[in-house]
């Protein structure tokens, strides 16, 4: 059990860090943890494709399997593109982006920062006007997976911080409610 986190890190280092969830897990690290624990096969990552499967097989001493078609198909790297003439500014594409590659706000035009987009496709489904499409990606940076991981971790930290702040606000409101009620009751009885 002691070597499990270490092997999971090495597995995670081989994954493309698109955070697309096509493997059936919430991101690359949970998938890496499942592989390390023997709970998931090594052939579930369409963005990583054959090269990733071969690297995982080599690392783990397992048989190299073909990509599981249930999880999707290998394709050249792609990035999201927003048709700005059709975008209605609904902002539904913003929350699912795991690396904050989409810029915009409610009721404003949105656009994709191409060199940040992992091609995860998670922004496609929530778009009510189908103004997002996938296009060929430019050549990735040499350390693209590491950059994707950094952006994902920053995104997740922001989400956790916002949730924590919201919980604290709600707790403060709940704590203040009895005092406010007592003050109202005291004012009525005066």
C-alpha atoms as a PDB file:
ATOM      1  CA  UNK A   1       0.000   0.000   0.000  1.00  0.00           C
ATOM      2  CA  UNK A   2       2.927   2.318   0.694  1.00  0.00           C
ATOM      3  CA  UNK A   3       4.019   2.354  -2.980  1.00  0.00           C
ATOM      4  CA  UNK A   4       0.485   2.975  -4.264  1.00  0.00           C
ATOM      5  CA  UNK A   5       0.595   6.805  -4.121  1.00  0.00           C
ATOM      6  CA  UNK A   6       4.011   6.814  -5.792  1.00  0.00           C
ATOM      7  CA  UNK A   7       2.915   4.553  -8.651  1.00  0.00           C
ATOM      8  CA  UNK A   8      -0.280   6.602  -9.033  1.00  0.00           C
ATOM      9  CA  UNK A   9       1.881   9.723  -9.449  1.00  0.00           C
ATOM     10  CA  UNK A  10       3.958   8.010 -12.113  1.00  0.00           C
ATOM     11  CA  UNK A  11       0.786   6.893 -13.906  1.00  0.00           C
ATOM     12  CA  UNK A  12      -0.654  10.404 -13.636  1.00  0.00           C
ATOM     13  CA  UNK A  13       2.548  11.788 -15.158  1.00  0.00           C
ATOM     14  CA  UNK A  14       1.904   9.664 -18.265  1.00  0.00           C
ATOM     15  CA  UNK A  15      -1.675  10.848 -18.732  1.00  0.00           C
ATOM     16  CA  UNK A  16      -2.368  13.883 -20.973  1.00  0.00           C
ATOM     17  CA  UNK A  17      -4.090  15.889 -18.207  1.00  0.00           C
ATOM     18  CA  UNK A  18      -7.032  16.871 -20.398  1.00  0.00           C
ATOM     19  CA  UNK A  19      -9.374  16.202 -17.428  1.00  0.00           C
ATOM     20  CA  UNK A  20     -12.009  15.159 -19.994  1.00  0.00           C
ATOM     21  CA  UNK A  21     -13.651  12.456 -17.833  1.00  0.00           C
ATOM     22  CA  UNK A  22     -14.030  10.145 -20.866  1.00  0.00           C
ATOM     23  CA  UNK A  23     -12.186   7.447 -18.890  1.00  0.00           C
ATOM     24  CA  UNK A  24     -15.148   7.339 -16.513  1.00  0.00           C
ATOM     25  CA  UNK A  25     -13.324   9.143 -13.704  1.00  0.00           C
ATOM     26  CA  UNK A  26     -13.540  12.778 -12.547  1.00  0.00           C
ATOM     27  CA  UNK A  27     -10.109  13.573 -13.969  1.00  0.00           C
ATOM     28  CA  UNK A  28      -6.675  12.209 -14.754  1.00  0.00           C
ATOM     29  CA  UNK A  29      -5.538  11.754 -11.142  1.00  0.00           C
ATOM     30  CA  UNK A  30      -8.595   9.733 -10.045  1.00  0.00           C
ATOM     31  CA  UNK A  31      -8.085   7.539 -13.120  1.00  0.00           C
ATOM     32  CA  UNK A  32      -4.393   7.126 -12.223  1.00  0.00           C
ATOM     33  CA  UNK A  33      -5.373   6.174  -8.658  1.00  0.00           C
ATOM     34  CA  UNK A  34      -7.827   3.575  -9.997  1.00  0.00           C
ATOM     35  CA  UNK A  35      -5.210   2.077 -12.323  1.00  0.00           C
ATOM     36  CA  UNK A  36      -2.686   1.920  -9.467  1.00  0.00           C
ATOM     37  CA  UNK A  37      -5.235   0.184  -7.250  1.00  0.00           C
ATOM     38  CA  UNK A  38      -6.009  -2.348  -9.984  1.00  0.00           C
ATOM     39  CA  UNK A  39      -9.561  -1.035 -10.304  1.00  0.00           C
ATOM     40  CA  UNK A  40      -9.315   0.290 -13.873  1.00  0.00           C
ATOM     41  CA  UNK A  41      -7.756  -0.965 -17.083  1.00  0.00           C
ATOM     42  CA  UNK A  42      -5.029   1.052 -18.796  1.00  0.00           C
ATOM     43  CA  UNK A  43      -6.949   1.567 -22.054  1.00  0.00           C
ATOM     44  CA  UNK A  44      -9.606   4.120 -21.111  1.00  0.00           C
ATOM     45  CA  UNK A  45      -7.959   7.419 -22.220  1.00  0.00           C
ATOM     46  CA  UNK A  46      -8.932   8.554 -25.749  1.00  0.00           C
ATOM     47  CA  UNK A  47      -6.854  11.778 -25.638  1.00  0.00           C
ATOM     48  CA  UNK A  48      -3.769   9.786 -24.659  1.00  0.00           C
ATOM     49  CA  UNK A  49      -4.528   7.072 -27.185  1.00  0.00           C
ATOM     50  CA  UNK A  50      -2.158   4.303 -28.133  1.00  0.00           C
ATOM     51  CA  UNK A  51       0.995   6.125 -27.003  1.00  0.00           C
ATOM     52  CA  UNK A  52      -0.333   6.515 -23.456  1.00  0.00           C
ATOM     53  CA  UNK A  53      -1.578   2.923 -23.337  1.00  0.00           C
ATOM     54  CA  UNK A  54       1.858   1.697 -24.445  1.00  0.00           C
ATOM     55  CA  UNK A  55       3.598   3.871 -21.841  1.00  0.00           C
ATOM     56  CA  UNK A  56       1.270   2.622 -19.094  1.00  0.00           C
ATOM     57  CA  UNK A  57       1.745  -1.003 -20.177  1.00  0.00           C
ATOM     58  CA  UNK A  58       5.511  -0.557 -20.077  1.00  0.00           C
ATOM     59  CA  UNK A  59       5.449   1.155 -16.666  1.00  0.00           C
ATOM     60  CA  UNK A  60       3.156  -1.428 -15.107  1.00  0.00           C
ATOM     61  CA  UNK A  61       4.373  -4.534 -16.927  1.00  0.00           C
ATOM     62  CA  UNK A  62       0.905  -5.147 -18.331  1.00  0.00           C
ATOM     63  CA  UNK A  63      -0.334  -6.199 -21.722  1.00  0.00           C
ATOM     64  CA  UNK A  64      -0.823  -3.370 -24.209  1.00  0.00           C
ATOM     65  CA  UNK A  65      -4.535  -3.284 -24.997  1.00  0.00           C
ATOM     66  CA  UNK A  66      -6.352  -1.424 -27.753  1.00  0.00           C
ATOM     67  CA  UNK A  67      -8.224   1.728 -26.725  1.00  0.00           C
ATOM     68  CA  UNK A  68     -11.635   0.833 -25.323  1.00  0.00           C
ATOM     69  CA  UNK A  69     -14.136   2.241 -27.869  1.00  0.00           C
ATOM     70  CA  UNK A  70     -16.713   2.697 -25.097  1.00  0.00           C
ATOM     71  CA  UNK A  71     -14.595   5.637 -23.892  1.00  0.00           C
ATOM     72  CA  UNK A  72     -14.249   7.225 -27.327  1.00  0.00           C
ATOM     73  CA  UNK A  73     -11.759   7.182 -30.139  1.00  0.00           C
ATOM     74  CA  UNK A  74      -8.264   8.540 -30.531  1.00  0.00           C
ATOM     75  CA  UNK A  75      -8.086  11.683 -32.633  1.00  0.00           C
ATOM     76  CA  UNK A  76      -5.577  14.431 -33.285  1.00  0.00           C
ATOM     77  CA  UNK A  77      -5.515  17.085 -30.549  1.00  0.00           C
ATOM     78  CA  UNK A  78      -8.356  19.564 -30.818  1.00  0.00           C
ATOM     79  CA  UNK A  79      -9.416  22.747 -29.064  1.00  0.00           C
ATOM     80  CA  UNK A  80     -12.766  24.405 -28.552  1.00  0.00           C
ATOM     81  CA  UNK A  81     -13.737  27.345 -30.739  1.00  0.00           C
ATOM     82  CA  UNK A  82     -16.724  29.617 -30.061  1.00  0.00           C
ATOM     83  CA  UNK A  83     -18.662  31.165 -32.943  1.00  0.00           C
ATOM     84  CA  UNK A  84     -18.886  34.674 -31.527  1.00  0.00           C
ATOM     85  CA  UNK A  85     -21.813  35.602 -33.786  1.00  0.00           C
ATOM     86  CA  UNK A  86     -23.932  32.809 -32.283  1.00  0.00           C
ATOM     87  CA  UNK A  87     -22.759  33.075 -28.658  1.00  0.00           C
ATOM     88  CA  UNK A  88     -25.569  34.448 -26.468  1.00  0.00           C
ATOM     89  CA  UNK A  89     -23.429  34.979 -23.369  1.00  0.00           C
ATOM     90  CA  UNK A  90     -25.265  32.393 -21.270  1.00  0.00           C
ATOM     91  CA  UNK A  91     -22.011  31.461 -19.471  1.00  0.00           C
ATOM     92  CA  UNK A  92     -22.980  27.786 -19.271  1.00  0.00           C
ATOM     93  CA  UNK A  93     -19.643  26.815 -20.839  1.00  0.00           C
ATOM     94  CA  UNK A  94     -17.598  28.438 -18.068  1.00  0.00           C
ATOM     95  CA  UNK A  95     -18.149  26.087 -15.075  1.00  0.00           C
ATOM     96  CA  UNK A  96     -17.382  22.799 -16.848  1.00  0.00           C
ATOM     97  CA  UNK A  97     -14.055  24.001 -18.272  1.00  0.00           C
ATOM     98  CA  UNK A  98     -11.486  22.249 -16.061  1.00  0.00           C
ATOM     99  CA  UNK A  99      -8.677  24.690 -16.866  1.00  0.00           C
ATOM    100  CA  UNK A 100     -10.513  28.029 -17.175  1.00  0.00           C
ATOM    101  CA  UNK A 101      -9.688  28.265 -20.887  1.00  0.00           C
ATOM    102  CA  UNK A 102     -12.959  30.064 -21.662  1.00  0.00           C
ATOM    103  CA  UNK A 103     -13.115  33.763 -20.987  1.00  0.00           C
ATOM    104  CA  UNK A 104     -16.364  35.645 -20.617  1.00  0.00           C
ATOM    105  CA  UNK A 105     -19.151  36.511 -18.259  1.00  0.00           C
ATOM    106  CA  UNK A 106     -22.913  36.238 -18.203  1.00  0.00           C
ATOM    107  CA  UNK A 107     -24.506  38.271 -21.001  1.00  0.00           C
ATOM    108  CA  UNK A 108     -21.124  38.906 -22.629  1.00  0.00           C
ATOM    109  CA  UNK A 109     -19.373  37.266 -25.526  1.00  0.00           C
ATOM    110  CA  UNK A 110     -17.167  34.270 -24.705  1.00  0.00           C
ATOM    111  CA  UNK A 111     -13.938  33.148 -26.302  1.00  0.00           C
ATOM    112  CA  UNK A 112     -11.410  30.346 -25.837  1.00  0.00           C
ATOM    113  CA  UNK A 113      -7.777  30.862 -24.908  1.00  0.00           C
ATOM    114  CA  UNK A 114      -6.480  28.313 -27.406  1.00  0.00           C
ATOM    115  CA  UNK A 115      -3.159  27.484 -25.737  1.00  0.00           C
ATOM    116  CA  UNK A 116      -4.987  26.744 -22.462  1.00  0.00           C
ATOM    117  CA  UNK A 117      -7.721  24.545 -23.930  1.00  0.00           C
ATOM    118  CA  UNK A 118      -7.151  20.829 -23.316  1.00  0.00           C
ATOM    119  CA  UNK A 119      -9.743  19.729 -25.866  1.00  0.00           C
ATOM    120  CA  UNK A 120     -11.798  17.993 -23.184  1.00  0.00           C
ATOM    121  CA  UNK A 121     -15.101  18.825 -24.936  1.00  0.00           C
ATOM    122  CA  UNK A 122     -16.868  19.394 -21.589  1.00  0.00           C
ATOM    123  CA  UNK A 123     -18.063  22.812 -22.792  1.00  0.00           C
ATOM    124  CA  UNK A 124     -20.002  21.375 -25.758  1.00  0.00           C
ATOM    125  CA  UNK A 125     -22.985  19.804 -24.011  1.00  0.00           C
ATOM    126  CA  UNK A 126     -24.063  22.777 -21.848  1.00  0.00           C
ATOM    127  CA  UNK A 127     -24.126  25.231 -24.777  1.00  0.00           C
ATOM    128  CA  UNK A 128     -27.813  25.816 -25.609  1.00  0.00           C
ATOM    129  CA  UNK A 129     -27.118  27.289 -29.057  1.00  0.00           C
ATOM    130  CA  UNK A 130     -24.378  24.883 -30.210  1.00  0.00           C
ATOM    131  CA  UNK A 131     -21.968  27.723 -30.924  1.00  0.00           C
ATOM    132  CA  UNK A 132     -18.927  25.717 -29.764  1.00  0.00           C
ATOM    133  CA  UNK A 133     -17.084  23.364 -32.051  1.00  0.00           C
ATOM    134  CA  UNK A 134     -13.825  21.474 -31.878  1.00  0.00           C
ATOM    135  CA  UNK A 135     -11.033  22.452 -34.264  1.00  0.00           C
ATOM    136  CA  UNK A 136      -7.478  21.206 -34.800  1.00  0.00           C
ATOM    137  CA  UNK A 137      -5.161  22.254 -31.993  1.00  0.00           C
ATOM    138  CA  UNK A 138      -1.887  24.062 -32.563  1.00  0.00           C
ATOM    139  CA  UNK A 139       1.272  22.152 -31.736  1.00  0.00           C
ATOM    140  CA  UNK A 140       1.296  21.533 -27.968  1.00  0.00           C
ATOM    141  CA  UNK A 141       4.028  22.859 -25.712  1.00  0.00           C
ATOM    142  CA  UNK A 142       6.704  20.346 -24.738  1.00  0.00           C
ATOM    143  CA  UNK A 143       5.426  20.411 -21.155  1.00  0.00           C
ATOM    144  CA  UNK A 144       1.715  20.614 -22.104  1.00  0.00           C
ATOM    145  CA  UNK A 145       0.532  17.930 -19.649  1.00  0.00           C
ATOM    146  CA  UNK A 146       2.297  19.690 -16.755  1.00  0.00           C
ATOM    147  CA  UNK A 147       0.749  23.032 -17.766  1.00  0.00           C
ATOM    148  CA  UNK A 148      -2.689  21.407 -18.019  1.00  0.00           C
ATOM    149  CA  UNK A 149      -2.248  19.862 -14.549  1.00  0.00           C
ATOM    150  CA  UNK A 150      -1.216  23.236 -13.050  1.00  0.00           C
ATOM    151  CA  UNK A 151      -4.242  24.983 -14.545  1.00  0.00           C
ATOM    152  CA  UNK A 152      -6.575  22.221 -13.416  1.00  0.00           C
ATOM    153  CA  UNK A 153      -5.227  22.346  -9.864  1.00  0.00           C
ATOM    154  CA  UNK A 154      -5.622  26.152  -9.809  1.00  0.00           C
ATOM    155  CA  UNK A 155      -9.186  25.788 -11.122  1.00  0.00           C
ATOM    156  CA  UNK A 156     -10.045  23.211  -8.465  1.00  0.00           C
ATOM    157  CA  UNK A 157      -8.502  25.351  -5.704  1.00  0.00           C
ATOM    158  CA  UNK A 158     -10.623  28.329  -6.814  1.00  0.00           C
ATOM    159  CA  UNK A 159     -13.754  26.162  -6.794  1.00  0.00           C
ATOM    160  CA  UNK A 160     -12.946  24.832  -3.318  1.00  0.00           C
ATOM    161  CA  UNK A 161     -12.210  28.335  -2.008  1.00  0.00           C
ATOM    162  CA  UNK A 162     -15.506  29.681  -3.407  1.00  0.00           C
ATOM    163  CA  UNK A 163     -17.430  26.791  -1.852  1.00  0.00           C
ATOM    164  CA  UNK A 164     -15.669  27.323   1.482  1.00  0.00           C
ATOM    165  CA  UNK A 165     -16.413  31.084   1.379  1.00  0.00           C
ATOM    166  CA  UNK A 166     -20.058  30.391   0.543  1.00  0.00           C
ATOM    167  CA  UNK A 167     -20.365  27.909   3.434  1.00  0.00           C
ATOM    168  CA  UNK A 168     -18.857  30.456   5.819  1.00  0.00           C
ATOM    169  CA  UNK A 169     -21.286  33.117   4.600  1.00  0.00           C
ATOM    170  CA  UNK A 170     -24.250  30.803   5.104  1.00  0.00           C
ATOM    171  CA  UNK A 171     -23.038  29.834   8.585  1.00  0.00           C
ATOM    172  CA  UNK A 172     -22.707  33.511   9.498  1.00  0.00           C
ATOM    173  CA  UNK A 173     -26.246  34.183   8.261  1.00  0.00           C
ATOM    174  CA  UNK A 174     -27.590  31.200  10.222  1.00  0.00           C
ATOM    175  CA  UNK A 175     -25.724  32.301  13.355  1.00  0.00           C
ATOM    176  CA  UNK A 176     -27.095  35.835  13.030  1.00  0.00           C
ATOM    177  CA  UNK A 177     -30.698  34.692  12.464  1.00  0.00           C
ATOM    178  CA  UNK A 178     -31.572  33.995  16.146  1.00  0.00           C
ATOM    179  CA  UNK A 179     -30.155  37.393  17.197  1.00  0.00           C
ATOM    180  CA  UNK A 180     -32.134  39.158  14.466  1.00  0.00           C
ATOM    181  CA  UNK A 181     -35.303  37.291  15.475  1.00  0.00           C
ATOM    182  CA  UNK A 182     -34.760  38.200  19.146  1.00  0.00           C
ATOM    183  CA  UNK A 183     -34.267  41.849  18.198  1.00  0.00           C
ATOM    184  CA  UNK A 184     -37.488  41.810  16.123  1.00  0.00           C
ATOM    185  CA  UNK A 185     -39.386  40.165  18.968  1.00  0.00           C
ATOM    186  CA  UNK A 186     -37.952  42.679  21.454  1.00  0.00           C
ATOM    187  CA  UNK A 187     -38.947  45.600  19.218  1.00  0.00           C
ATOM    188  CA  UNK A 188     -42.529  44.271  18.904  1.00  0.00           C
ATOM    189  CA  UNK A 189     -42.964  43.849  22.644  1.00  0.00           C
ATOM    190  CA  UNK A 190     -41.720  47.393  23.409  1.00  0.00           C
END
